[in-house]
Amino acid sequence: MMRAAHQFGAAFFLLAYFFKGLAIPGYLINLALISGVLLMLLEWMRHRQIYRELSGIVTLIKIGLLGLVYHGWLPGALAIPVIFVLASIFAHMPKQYRHRLLF
């Protein structure tokens, strides 16, 4: 349920960058943010070294790129779809690769 809520909120986050004039309710953007934090917390409870795993590092990269977009250092129309593709690829990778320790 948490992942579905995150994807639902994230879809509206994507719409907000593609259609600048579209009024997206703030609670949907907050849904993406809060559910993302909760997803990371749940993953951390299962995999205590998530910051050393591929999935954790990709999540940190995704958060960093979102921060660069938010502060205007990257163009949102280009970076947001790239972030979504990264998230989709690494979220659906087989478990043995997704949770492999990198360091």
PDB file of N, CA and C in Angstrom:
ATOM      1  N   MET A   1       0.824  -1.200   0.000  1.00  0.00           N
ATOM      2  CA  MET A   1       0.000   0.000   0.000  1.00  0.00           C
ATOM      3  C   MET A   1       0.866   1.262   0.000  1.00  0.00           C
ATOM      4  N   MET A   2       1.961   1.199   0.729  1.00  0.00           N
ATOM      5  CA  MET A   2       2.823   2.384   0.825  1.00  0.00           C
ATOM      6  C   MET A   2       3.456   2.694  -0.533  1.00  0.00           C
ATOM      7  N   ARG A   3       3.898   1.661  -1.223  1.00  0.00           N
ATOM      8  CA  ARG A   3       4.509   1.880  -2.551  1.00  0.00           C
ATOM      9  C   ARG A   3       3.483   2.417  -3.543  1.00  0.00           C
ATOM     10  N   ALA A   4       2.261   1.920  -3.469  1.00  0.00           N
ATOM     11  CA  ALA A   4       1.198   2.416  -4.358  1.00  0.00           C
ATOM     12  C   ALA A   4       0.895   3.881  -4.062  1.00  0.00           C
ATOM     13  N   ALA A   5       0.843   4.247  -2.795  1.00  0.00           N
ATOM     14  CA  ALA A   5       0.612   5.650  -2.423  1.00  0.00           C
ATOM     15  C   ALA A   5       1.751   6.525  -2.938  1.00  0.00           C
ATOM     16  N   HIS A   6       2.978   6.022  -2.838  1.00  0.00           N
ATOM     17  CA  HIS A   6       4.132   6.788  -3.308  1.00  0.00           C
ATOM     18  C   HIS A   6       4.074   6.989  -4.826  1.00  0.00           C
ATOM     19  N   GLN A   7       3.741   5.942  -5.548  1.00  0.00           N
ATOM     20  CA  GLN A   7       3.665   6.061  -6.998  1.00  0.00           C
ATOM     21  C   GLN A   7       2.536   6.987  -7.424  1.00  0.00           C
ATOM     22  N   PHE A   8       1.432   6.952  -6.710  1.00  0.00           N
ATOM     23  CA  PHE A   8       0.307   7.846  -7.015  1.00  0.00           C
ATOM     24  C   PHE A   8       0.715   9.306  -6.819  1.00  0.00           C
ATOM     25  N   GLY A   9       1.321   9.601  -5.679  1.00  0.00           N
ATOM     26  CA  GLY A   9       1.777  10.968  -5.427  1.00  0.00           C
ATOM     27  C   GLY A   9       2.879  11.395  -6.376  1.00  0.00           C
ATOM     28  N   ALA A  10       3.784  10.485  -6.685  1.00  0.00           N
ATOM     29  CA  ALA A  10       4.890  10.793  -7.592  1.00  0.00           C
ATOM     30  C   ALA A  10       4.397  11.066  -9.011  1.00  0.00           C
ATOM     31  N   ALA A  11       3.326  10.410  -9.418  1.00  0.00           N
ATOM     32  CA  ALA A  11       2.761  10.671 -10.747  1.00  0.00           C
ATOM     33  C   ALA A  11       2.285  12.117 -10.850  1.00  0.00           C
ATOM     34  N   PHE A  12       1.689  12.618  -9.801  1.00  0.00           N
ATOM     35  CA  PHE A  12       1.255  14.019  -9.810  1.00  0.00           C
ATOM     36  C   PHE A  12       2.441  14.971  -9.727  1.00  0.00           C
ATOM     37  N   PHE A  13       3.488  14.540  -9.056  1.00  0.00           N
ATOM     38  CA  PHE A  13       4.715  15.331  -9.012  1.00  0.00           C
ATOM     39  C   PHE A  13       5.278  15.481 -10.421  1.00  0.00           C
ATOM     40  N   LEU A  14       5.260  14.391 -11.187  1.00  0.00           N
ATOM     41  CA  LEU A  14       5.708  14.413 -12.574  1.00  0.00           C
ATOM     42  C   LEU A  14       4.821  15.339 -13.407  1.00  0.00           C
ATOM     43  N   LEU A  15       3.520  15.257 -13.217  1.00  0.00           N
ATOM     44  CA  LEU A  15       2.590  16.141 -13.938  1.00  0.00           C
ATOM     45  C   LEU A  15       2.858  17.609 -13.635  1.00  0.00           C
ATOM     46  N   ALA A  16       3.204  17.906 -12.405  1.00  0.00           N
ATOM     47  CA  ALA A  16       3.450  19.291 -12.008  1.00  0.00           C
ATOM     48  C   ALA A  16       4.613  19.897 -12.792  1.00  0.00           C
ATOM     49  N   TYR A  17       5.604  19.075 -13.146  1.00  0.00           N
ATOM     50  CA  TYR A  17       6.739  19.593 -13.914  1.00  0.00           C
ATOM     51  C   TYR A  17       6.460  19.655 -15.408  1.00  0.00           C
ATOM     52  N   PHE A  18       5.625  18.755 -15.901  1.00  0.00           N
ATOM     53  CA  PHE A  18       5.312  18.774 -17.332  1.00  0.00           C
ATOM     54  C   PHE A  18       4.293  19.833 -17.697  1.00  0.00           C
ATOM     55  N   PHE A  19       3.345  20.054 -16.825  1.00  0.00           N
ATOM     56  CA  PHE A  19       2.273  21.013 -17.094  1.00  0.00           C
ATOM     57  C   PHE A  19       2.309  22.094 -16.026  1.00  0.00           C
ATOM     58  N   LYS A  20       3.118  23.119 -16.273  1.00  0.00           N
ATOM     59  CA  LYS A  20       3.341  24.169 -15.279  1.00  0.00           C
ATOM     60  C   LYS A  20       2.054  24.867 -14.859  1.00  0.00           C
ATOM     61  N   GLY A  21       1.094  25.021 -15.750  1.00  0.00           N
ATOM     62  CA  GLY A  21      -0.138  25.724 -15.425  1.00  0.00           C
ATOM     63  C   GLY A  21      -1.160  24.859 -14.699  1.00  0.00           C
ATOM     64  N   LEU A  22      -0.904  23.558 -14.623  1.00  0.00           N
ATOM     65  CA  LEU A  22      -1.839  22.633 -13.996  1.00  0.00           C
ATOM     66  C   LEU A  22      -1.765  22.773 -12.477  1.00  0.00           C
ATOM     67  N   ALA A  23      -2.909  22.972 -11.842  1.00  0.00           N
ATOM     68  CA  ALA A  23      -2.949  23.125 -10.388  1.00  0.00           C
ATOM     69  C   ALA A  23      -3.001  21.743  -9.734  1.00  0.00           C
ATOM     70  N   ILE A  24      -1.890  21.341  -9.145  1.00  0.00           N
ATOM     71  CA  ILE A  24      -1.804  20.054  -8.453  1.00  0.00           C
ATOM     72  C   ILE A  24      -1.995  20.333  -6.961  1.00  0.00           C
ATOM     73  N   PRO A  25      -2.949  19.667  -6.319  1.00  0.00           N
ATOM     74  CA  PRO A  25      -3.134  19.880  -4.878  1.00  0.00           C
ATOM     75  C   PRO A  25      -1.861  19.547  -4.097  1.00  0.00           C
ATOM     76  N   GLY A  26      -1.536  20.388  -3.149  1.00  0.00           N
ATOM     77  CA  GLY A  26      -0.324  20.203  -2.362  1.00  0.00           C
ATOM     78  C   GLY A  26      -0.283  18.889  -1.601  1.00  0.00           C
ATOM     79  N   TYR A  27      -1.436  18.383  -1.200  1.00  0.00           N
ATOM     80  CA  TYR A  27      -1.434  17.139  -0.435  1.00  0.00           C
ATOM     81  C   TYR A  27      -0.958  15.956  -1.283  1.00  0.00           C
ATOM     82  N   LEU A  28      -1.113  16.021  -2.598  1.00  0.00           N
ATOM     83  CA  LEU A  28      -0.620  14.936  -3.447  1.00  0.00           C
ATOM     84  C   LEU A  28       0.905  14.967  -3.540  1.00  0.00           C
ATOM     85  N   ILE A  29       1.467  16.165  -3.585  1.00  0.00           N
ATOM     86  CA  ILE A  29       2.931  16.292  -3.578  1.00  0.00           C
ATOM     87  C   ILE A  29       3.468  15.829  -2.222  1.00  0.00           C
ATOM     88  N   ASN A  30       2.779  16.221  -1.152  1.00  0.00           N
ATOM     89  CA  ASN A  30       3.185  15.782   0.183  1.00  0.00           C
ATOM     90  C   ASN A  30       3.055  14.271   0.332  1.00  0.00           C
ATOM     91  N   LEU A  31       2.055  13.680  -0.319  1.00  0.00           N
ATOM     92  CA  LEU A  31       1.889  12.227  -0.296  1.00  0.00           C
ATOM     93  C   LEU A  31       3.133  11.542  -0.853  1.00  0.00           C
ATOM     94  N   ALA A  32       3.658  12.060  -1.957  1.00  0.00           N
ATOM     95  CA  ALA A  32       4.873  11.487  -2.553  1.00  0.00           C
ATOM     96  C   ALA A  32       6.055  11.620  -1.597  1.00  0.00           C
ATOM     97  N   LEU A  33       6.184  12.768  -0.964  1.00  0.00           N
ATOM     98  CA  LEU A  33       7.302  13.013  -0.055  1.00  0.00           C
ATOM     99  C   LEU A  33       7.214  12.135   1.194  1.00  0.00           C
ATOM    100  N   ILE A  34       6.071  12.153   1.845  1.00  0.00           N
ATOM    101  CA  ILE A  34       5.911  11.410   3.098  1.00  0.00           C
ATOM    102  C   ILE A  34       5.990   9.903   2.858  1.00  0.00           C
ATOM    103  N   SER A  35       5.332   9.422   1.807  1.00  0.00           N
ATOM    104  CA  SER A  35       5.385   7.985   1.532  1.00  0.00           C
ATOM    105  C   SER A  35       6.792   7.553   1.128  1.00  0.00           C
ATOM    106  N   GLY A  36       7.535   8.424   0.457  1.00  0.00           N
ATOM    107  CA  GLY A  36       8.922   8.107   0.108  1.00  0.00           C
ATOM    108  C   GLY A  36       9.796   7.958   1.341  1.00  0.00           C
ATOM    109  N   VAL A  37       9.613   8.862   2.291  1.00  0.00           N
ATOM    110  CA  VAL A  37      10.371   8.767   3.545  1.00  0.00           C
ATOM    111  C   VAL A  37       9.990   7.486   4.288  1.00  0.00           C
ATOM    112  N   LEU A  38       8.697   7.186   4.335  1.00  0.00           N
ATOM    113  CA  LEU A  38       8.255   5.964   5.016  1.00  0.00           C
ATOM    114  C   LEU A  38       8.758   4.704   4.308  1.00  0.00           C
ATOM    115  N   LEU A  39       8.794   4.730   2.982  1.00  0.00           N
ATOM    116  CA  LEU A  39       9.339   3.583   2.242  1.00  0.00           C
ATOM    117  C   LEU A  39      10.809   3.361   2.585  1.00  0.00           C
ATOM    118  N   MET A  40      11.576   4.443   2.659  1.00  0.00           N
ATOM    119  CA  MET A  40      12.996   4.315   3.005  1.00  0.00           C
ATOM    120  C   MET A  40      13.156   3.790   4.431  1.00  0.00           C
ATOM    121  N   LEU A  41      12.294   4.254   5.336  1.00  0.00           N
ATOM    122  CA  LEU A  41      12.352   3.768   6.712  1.00  0.00           C
ATOM    123  C   LEU A  41      12.028   2.276   6.778  1.00  0.00           C
ATOM    124  N   LEU A  42      11.002   1.852   6.048  1.00  0.00           N
ATOM    125  CA  LEU A  42      10.645   0.436   6.024  1.00  0.00           C
ATOM    126  C   LEU A  42      11.755  -0.413   5.417  1.00  0.00           C
ATOM    127  N   GLU A  43      12.374   0.081   4.346  1.00  0.00           N
ATOM    128  CA  GLU A  43      13.489  -0.656   3.729  1.00  0.00           C
ATOM    129  C   GLU A  43      14.681  -0.707   4.674  1.00  0.00           C
ATOM    130  N   TRP A  44      14.921   0.375   5.399  1.00  0.00           N
ATOM    131  CA  TRP A  44      16.037   0.396   6.339  1.00  0.00           C
ATOM    132  C   TRP A  44      15.817  -0.617   7.454  1.00  0.00           C
ATOM    133  N   MET A  45      14.554  -0.792   7.870  1.00  0.00           N
ATOM    134  CA  MET A  45      14.260  -1.764   8.923  1.00  0.00           C
ATOM    135  C   MET A  45      14.546  -3.190   8.443  1.00  0.00           C
ATOM    136  N   ARG A  46      14.364  -3.453   7.161  1.00  0.00           N
ATOM    137  CA  ARG A  46      14.621  -4.787   6.607  1.00  0.00           C
ATOM    138  C   ARG A  46      16.081  -4.977   6.217  1.00  0.00           C
ATOM    139  N   HIS A  47      16.702  -3.915   5.729  1.00  0.00           N
ATOM    140  CA  HIS A  47      18.091  -3.963   5.252  1.00  0.00           C
ATOM    141  C   HIS A  47      18.851  -2.841   5.946  1.00  0.00           C
ATOM    142  N   ARG A  48      19.474  -3.154   7.068  1.00  0.00           N
ATOM    143  CA  ARG A  48      20.102  -2.126   7.902  1.00  0.00           C
ATOM    144  C   ARG A  48      21.262  -1.407   7.211  1.00  0.00           C
ATOM    145  N   GLN A  49      21.798  -1.963   6.159  1.00  0.00           N
ATOM    146  CA  GLN A  49      22.912  -1.325   5.463  1.00  0.00           C
ATOM    147  C   GLN A  49      22.471  -0.771   4.115  1.00  0.00           C
ATOM    148  N   ILE A  50      21.243  -0.263   4.043  1.00  0.00           N
ATOM    149  CA  ILE A  50      20.702   0.182   2.756  1.00  0.00           C
ATOM    150  C   ILE A  50      21.544   1.296   2.126  1.00  0.00           C
ATOM    151  N   TYR A  51      22.210   2.090   2.951  1.00  0.00           N
ATOM    152  CA  TYR A  51      23.067   3.145   2.410  1.00  0.00           C
ATOM    153  C   TYR A  51      24.275   2.579   1.666  1.00  0.00           C
ATOM    154  N   ARG A  52      24.562   1.301   1.851  1.00  0.00           N
ATOM    155  CA  ARG A  52      25.671   0.653   1.146  1.00  0.00           C
ATOM    156  C   ARG A  52      25.195  -0.186  -0.030  1.00  0.00           C
ATOM    157  N   GLU A  53      23.869  -0.329  -0.177  1.00  0.00           N
ATOM    158  CA  GLU A  53      23.304  -1.147  -1.244  1.00  0.00           C
ATOM    159  C   GLU A  53      23.003  -0.289  -2.472  1.00  0.00           C
ATOM    160  N   LEU A  54      22.874  -0.950  -3.602  1.00  0.00           N
ATOM    161  CA  LEU A  54      22.575  -0.261  -4.849  1.00  0.00           C
ATOM    162  C   LEU A  54      21.269   0.529  -4.740  1.00  0.00           C
ATOM    163  N   SER A  55      20.240  -0.081  -4.146  1.00  0.00           N
ATOM    164  CA  SER A  55      18.947   0.607  -4.055  1.00  0.00           C
ATOM    165  C   SER A  55      19.041   1.860  -3.187  1.00  0.00           C
ATOM    166  N   GLY A  56      19.788   1.810  -2.114  1.00  0.00           N
ATOM    167  CA  GLY A  56      19.941   2.973  -1.243  1.00  0.00           C
ATOM    168  C   GLY A  56      20.734   4.090  -1.905  1.00  0.00           C
ATOM    169  N   ILE A  57      21.787   3.722  -2.610  1.00  0.00           N
ATOM    170  CA  ILE A  57      22.606   4.735  -3.282  1.00  0.00           C
ATOM    171  C   ILE A  57      21.814   5.400  -4.402  1.00  0.00           C
ATOM    172  N   VAL A  58      21.047   4.617  -5.158  1.00  0.00           N
ATOM    173  CA  VAL A  58      20.217   5.193  -6.219  1.00  0.00           C
ATOM    174  C   VAL A  58      19.161   6.126  -5.617  1.00  0.00           C
ATOM    175  N   THR A  59      18.609   5.758  -4.479  1.00  0.00           N
ATOM    176  CA  THR A  59      17.633   6.627  -3.818  1.00  0.00           C
ATOM    177  C   THR A  59      18.285   7.936  -3.399  1.00  0.00           C
ATOM    178  N   LEU A  60      19.484   7.886  -2.863  1.00  0.00           N
ATOM    179  CA  LEU A  60      20.188   9.122  -2.489  1.00  0.00           C
ATOM    180  C   LEU A  60      20.491   9.984  -3.718  1.00  0.00           C
ATOM    181  N   ILE A  61      20.868   9.344  -4.822  1.00  0.00           N
ATOM    182  CA  ILE A  61      21.101  10.081  -6.068  1.00  0.00           C
ATOM    183  C   ILE A  61      19.809  10.725  -6.537  1.00  0.00           C
ATOM    184  N   LYS A  62      18.709   9.979  -6.454  1.00  0.00           N
ATOM    185  CA  LYS A  62      17.402  10.500  -6.859  1.00  0.00           C
ATOM    186  C   LYS A  62      17.022  11.721  -6.012  1.00  0.00           C
ATOM    187  N   ILE A  63      17.221  11.645  -4.711  1.00  0.00           N
ATOM    188  CA  ILE A  63      16.916  12.772  -3.827  1.00  0.00           C
ATOM    189  C   ILE A  63      17.809  13.963  -4.155  1.00  0.00           C
ATOM    190  N   GLY A  64      19.072  13.699  -4.422  1.00  0.00           N
ATOM    191  CA  GLY A  64      19.987  14.781  -4.790  1.00  0.00           C
ATOM    192  C   GLY A  64      19.587  15.467  -6.085  1.00  0.00           C
ATOM    193  N   LEU A  65      19.209  14.675  -7.084  1.00  0.00           N
ATOM    194  CA  LEU A  65      18.768  15.257  -8.357  1.00  0.00           C
ATOM    195  C   LEU A  65      17.481  16.062  -8.181  1.00  0.00           C
ATOM    196  N   LEU A  66      16.556  15.548  -7.367  1.00  0.00           N
ATOM    197  CA  LEU A  66      15.328  16.304  -7.091  1.00  0.00           C
ATOM    198  C   LEU A  66      15.644  17.633  -6.404  1.00  0.00           C
ATOM    199  N   GLY A  67      16.613  17.612  -5.517  1.00  0.00           N
ATOM    200  CA  GLY A  67      17.036  18.850  -4.857  1.00  0.00           C
ATOM    201  C   GLY A  67      17.625  19.848  -5.851  1.00  0.00           C
ATOM    202  N   LEU A  68      18.420  19.352  -6.798  1.00  0.00           N
ATOM    203  CA  LEU A  68      18.989  20.234  -7.820  1.00  0.00           C
ATOM    204  C   LEU A  68      17.899  20.838  -8.702  1.00  0.00           C
ATOM    205  N   VAL A  69      16.881  20.044  -9.018  1.00  0.00           N
ATOM    206  CA  VAL A  69      15.756  20.556  -9.803  1.00  0.00           C
ATOM    207  C   VAL A  69      14.987  21.593  -9.000  1.00  0.00           C
ATOM    208  N   TYR A  70      14.715  21.280  -7.747  1.00  0.00           N
ATOM    209  CA  TYR A  70      13.941  22.181  -6.892  1.00  0.00           C
ATOM    210  C   TYR A  70      14.608  23.552  -6.759  1.00  0.00           C
ATOM    211  N   HIS A  71      15.927  23.549  -6.670  1.00  0.00           N
ATOM    212  CA  HIS A  71      16.662  24.811  -6.510  1.00  0.00           C
ATOM    213  C   HIS A  71      17.030  25.468  -7.840  1.00  0.00           C
ATOM    214  N   GLY A  72      16.572  24.870  -8.933  1.00  0.00           N
ATOM    215  CA  GLY A  72      16.768  25.486 -10.236  1.00  0.00           C
ATOM    216  C   GLY A  72      18.121  25.240 -10.880  1.00  0.00           C
ATOM    217  N   TRP A  73      18.883  24.289 -10.387  1.00  0.00           N
ATOM    218  CA  TRP A  73      20.203  24.014 -10.951  1.00  0.00           C
ATOM    219  C   TRP A  73      20.145  22.995 -12.077  1.00  0.00           C
ATOM    220  N   LEU A  74      19.027  22.294 -12.209  1.00  0.00           N
ATOM    221  CA  LEU A  74      18.787  21.373 -13.323  1.00  0.00           C
ATOM    222  C   LEU A  74      17.417  21.686 -13.905  1.00  0.00           C
ATOM    223  N   PRO A  75      17.265  21.550 -15.226  1.00  0.00           N
ATOM    224  CA  PRO A  75      15.936  21.772 -15.818  1.00  0.00           C
ATOM    225  C   PRO A  75      14.984  20.629 -15.457  1.00  0.00           C
ATOM    226  N   GLY A  76      13.852  20.980 -14.868  1.00  0.00           N
ATOM    227  CA  GLY A  76      12.896  19.978 -14.400  1.00  0.00           C
ATOM    228  C   GLY A  76      12.321  19.130 -15.506  1.00  0.00           C
ATOM    229  N   ALA A  77      12.032  19.738 -16.654  1.00  0.00           N
ATOM    230  CA  ALA A  77      11.400  18.989 -17.754  1.00  0.00           C
ATOM    231  C   ALA A  77      12.298  17.862 -18.257  1.00  0.00           C
ATOM    232  N   LEU A  78      13.590  17.980 -18.098  1.00  0.00           N
ATOM    233  CA  LEU A  78      14.517  16.929 -18.518  1.00  0.00           C
ATOM    234  C   LEU A  78      14.874  16.004 -17.360  1.00  0.00           C
ATOM    235  N   ALA A  79      15.156  16.583 -16.204  1.00  0.00           N
ATOM    236  CA  ALA A  79      15.670  15.790 -15.084  1.00  0.00           C
ATOM    237  C   ALA A  79      14.608  14.923 -14.419  1.00  0.00           C
ATOM    238  N   ILE A  80      13.382  15.412 -14.296  1.00  0.00           N
ATOM    239  CA  ILE A  80      12.344  14.646 -13.610  1.00  0.00           C
ATOM    240  C   ILE A  80      12.046  13.324 -14.325  1.00  0.00           C
ATOM    241  N   PRO A  81      11.884  13.302 -15.659  1.00  0.00           N
ATOM    242  CA  PRO A  81      11.699  11.994 -16.321  1.00  0.00           C
ATOM    243  C   PRO A  81      12.894  11.060 -16.148  1.00  0.00           C
ATOM    244  N   VAL A  82      14.106  11.607 -16.154  1.00  0.00           N
ATOM    245  CA  VAL A  82      15.303  10.779 -15.940  1.00  0.00           C
ATOM    246  C   VAL A  82      15.259  10.162 -14.544  1.00  0.00           C
ATOM    247  N   ILE A  83      14.859  10.949 -13.562  1.00  0.00           N
ATOM    248  CA  ILE A  83      14.749  10.446 -12.192  1.00  0.00           C
ATOM    249  C   ILE A  83      13.711   9.328 -12.117  1.00  0.00           C
ATOM    250  N   PHE A  84      12.580   9.511 -12.806  1.00  0.00           N
ATOM    251  CA  PHE A  84      11.540   8.478 -12.799  1.00  0.00           C
ATOM    252  C   PHE A  84      12.025   7.197 -13.464  1.00  0.00           C
ATOM    253  N   VAL A  85      12.777   7.307 -14.540  1.00  0.00           N
ATOM    254  CA  VAL A  85      13.305   6.115 -15.212  1.00  0.00           C
ATOM    255  C   VAL A  85      14.296   5.400 -14.295  1.00  0.00           C
ATOM    256  N   LEU A  86      15.198   6.157 -13.663  1.00  0.00           N
ATOM    257  CA  LEU A  86      16.142   5.557 -12.715  1.00  0.00           C
ATOM    258  C   LEU A  86      15.403   4.816 -11.603  1.00  0.00           C
ATOM    259  N   ALA A  87      14.406   5.483 -11.045  1.00  0.00           N
ATOM    260  CA  ALA A  87      13.650   4.877  -9.952  1.00  0.00           C
ATOM    261  C   ALA A  87      12.943   3.605 -10.421  1.00  0.00           C
ATOM    262  N   SER A  88      12.374   3.630 -11.593  1.00  0.00           N
ATOM    263  CA  SER A  88      11.656   2.466 -12.109  1.00  0.00           C
ATOM    264  C   SER A  88      12.592   1.294 -12.367  1.00  0.00           C
ATOM    265  N   ILE A  89      13.723   1.568 -12.965  1.00  0.00           N
ATOM    266  CA  ILE A  89      14.675   0.494 -13.270  1.00  0.00           C
ATOM    267  C   ILE A  89      15.187  -0.152 -11.991  1.00  0.00           C
ATOM    268  N   PHE A  90      15.626   0.664 -11.054  1.00  0.00           N
ATOM    269  CA  PHE A  90      16.244   0.105  -9.858  1.00  0.00           C
ATOM    270  C   PHE A  90      15.217  -0.438  -8.864  1.00  0.00           C
ATOM    271  N   ALA A  91      13.981   0.003  -8.913  1.00  0.00           N
ATOM    272  CA  ALA A  91      12.944  -0.547  -8.033  1.00  0.00           C
ATOM    273  C   ALA A  91      12.475  -1.919  -8.502  1.00  0.00           C
ATOM    274  N   HIS A  92      12.614  -2.207  -9.782  1.00  0.00           N
ATOM    275  CA  HIS A  92      12.137  -3.478 -10.319  1.00  0.00           C
ATOM    276  C   HIS A  92      13.267  -4.439 -10.672  1.00  0.00           C
ATOM    277  N   MET A  93      14.461  -4.116 -10.278  1.00  0.00           N
ATOM    278  CA  MET A  93      15.602  -4.996 -10.476  1.00  0.00           C
ATOM    279  C   MET A  93      15.459  -6.235  -9.594  1.00  0.00           C
ATOM    280  N   PRO A  94      15.998  -7.369 -10.012  1.00  0.00           N
ATOM    281  CA  PRO A  94      15.951  -8.549  -9.141  1.00  0.00           C
ATOM    282  C   PRO A  94      16.613  -8.273  -7.783  1.00  0.00           C
ATOM    283  N   LYS A  95      16.074  -8.888  -6.755  1.00  0.00           N
ATOM    284  CA  LYS A  95      16.501  -8.621  -5.382  1.00  0.00           C
ATOM    285  C   LYS A  95      18.005  -8.817  -5.171  1.00  0.00           C
ATOM    286  N   GLN A  96      18.568  -9.839  -5.797  1.00  0.00           N
ATOM    287  CA  GLN A  96      19.997 -10.110  -5.571  1.00  0.00           C
ATOM    288  C   GLN A  96      20.894  -8.989  -6.103  1.00  0.00           C
ATOM    289  N   TYR A  97      20.419  -8.218  -7.058  1.00  0.00           N
ATOM    290  CA  TYR A  97      21.188  -7.074  -7.561  1.00  0.00           C
ATOM    291  C   TYR A  97      20.823  -5.793  -6.815  1.00  0.00           C
ATOM    292  N   ARG A  98      19.556  -5.611  -6.547  1.00  0.00           N
ATOM    293  CA  ARG A  98      19.067  -4.389  -5.911  1.00  0.00           C
ATOM    294  C   ARG A  98      19.651  -4.214  -4.506  1.00  0.00           C
ATOM    295  N   HIS A  99      19.832  -5.321  -3.789  1.00  0.00           N
ATOM    296  CA  HIS A  99      20.321  -5.245  -2.411  1.00  0.00           C
ATOM    297  C   HIS A  99      21.769  -5.704  -2.272  1.00  0.00           C
ATOM    298  N   ARG A 100      22.490  -5.705  -3.371  1.00  0.00           N
ATOM    299  CA  ARG A 100      23.916  -6.071  -3.330  1.00  0.00           C
ATOM    300  C   ARG A 100      24.700  -4.948  -2.658  1.00  0.00           C
ATOM    301  N   LEU A 101      25.597  -5.327  -1.750  1.00  0.00           N
ATOM    302  CA  LEU A 101      26.438  -4.331  -1.090  1.00  0.00           C
ATOM    303  C   LEU A 101      27.502  -3.831  -2.053  1.00  0.00           C
ATOM    304  N   LEU A 102      27.636  -2.526  -2.155  1.00  0.00           N
ATOM    305  CA  LEU A 102      28.615  -1.943  -3.061  1.00  0.00           C
ATOM    306  C   LEU A 102      29.919  -1.607  -2.358  1.00  0.00           C
ATOM    307  N   PHE A 103      29.836  -1.270  -1.086  1.00  0.00           N
ATOM    308  CA  PHE A 103      31.061  -0.987  -0.325  1.00  0.00           C
ATOM    309  C   PHE A 103      30.839  -1.338   1.127  1.00  0.00           C
TER     310      PHE A 103
END
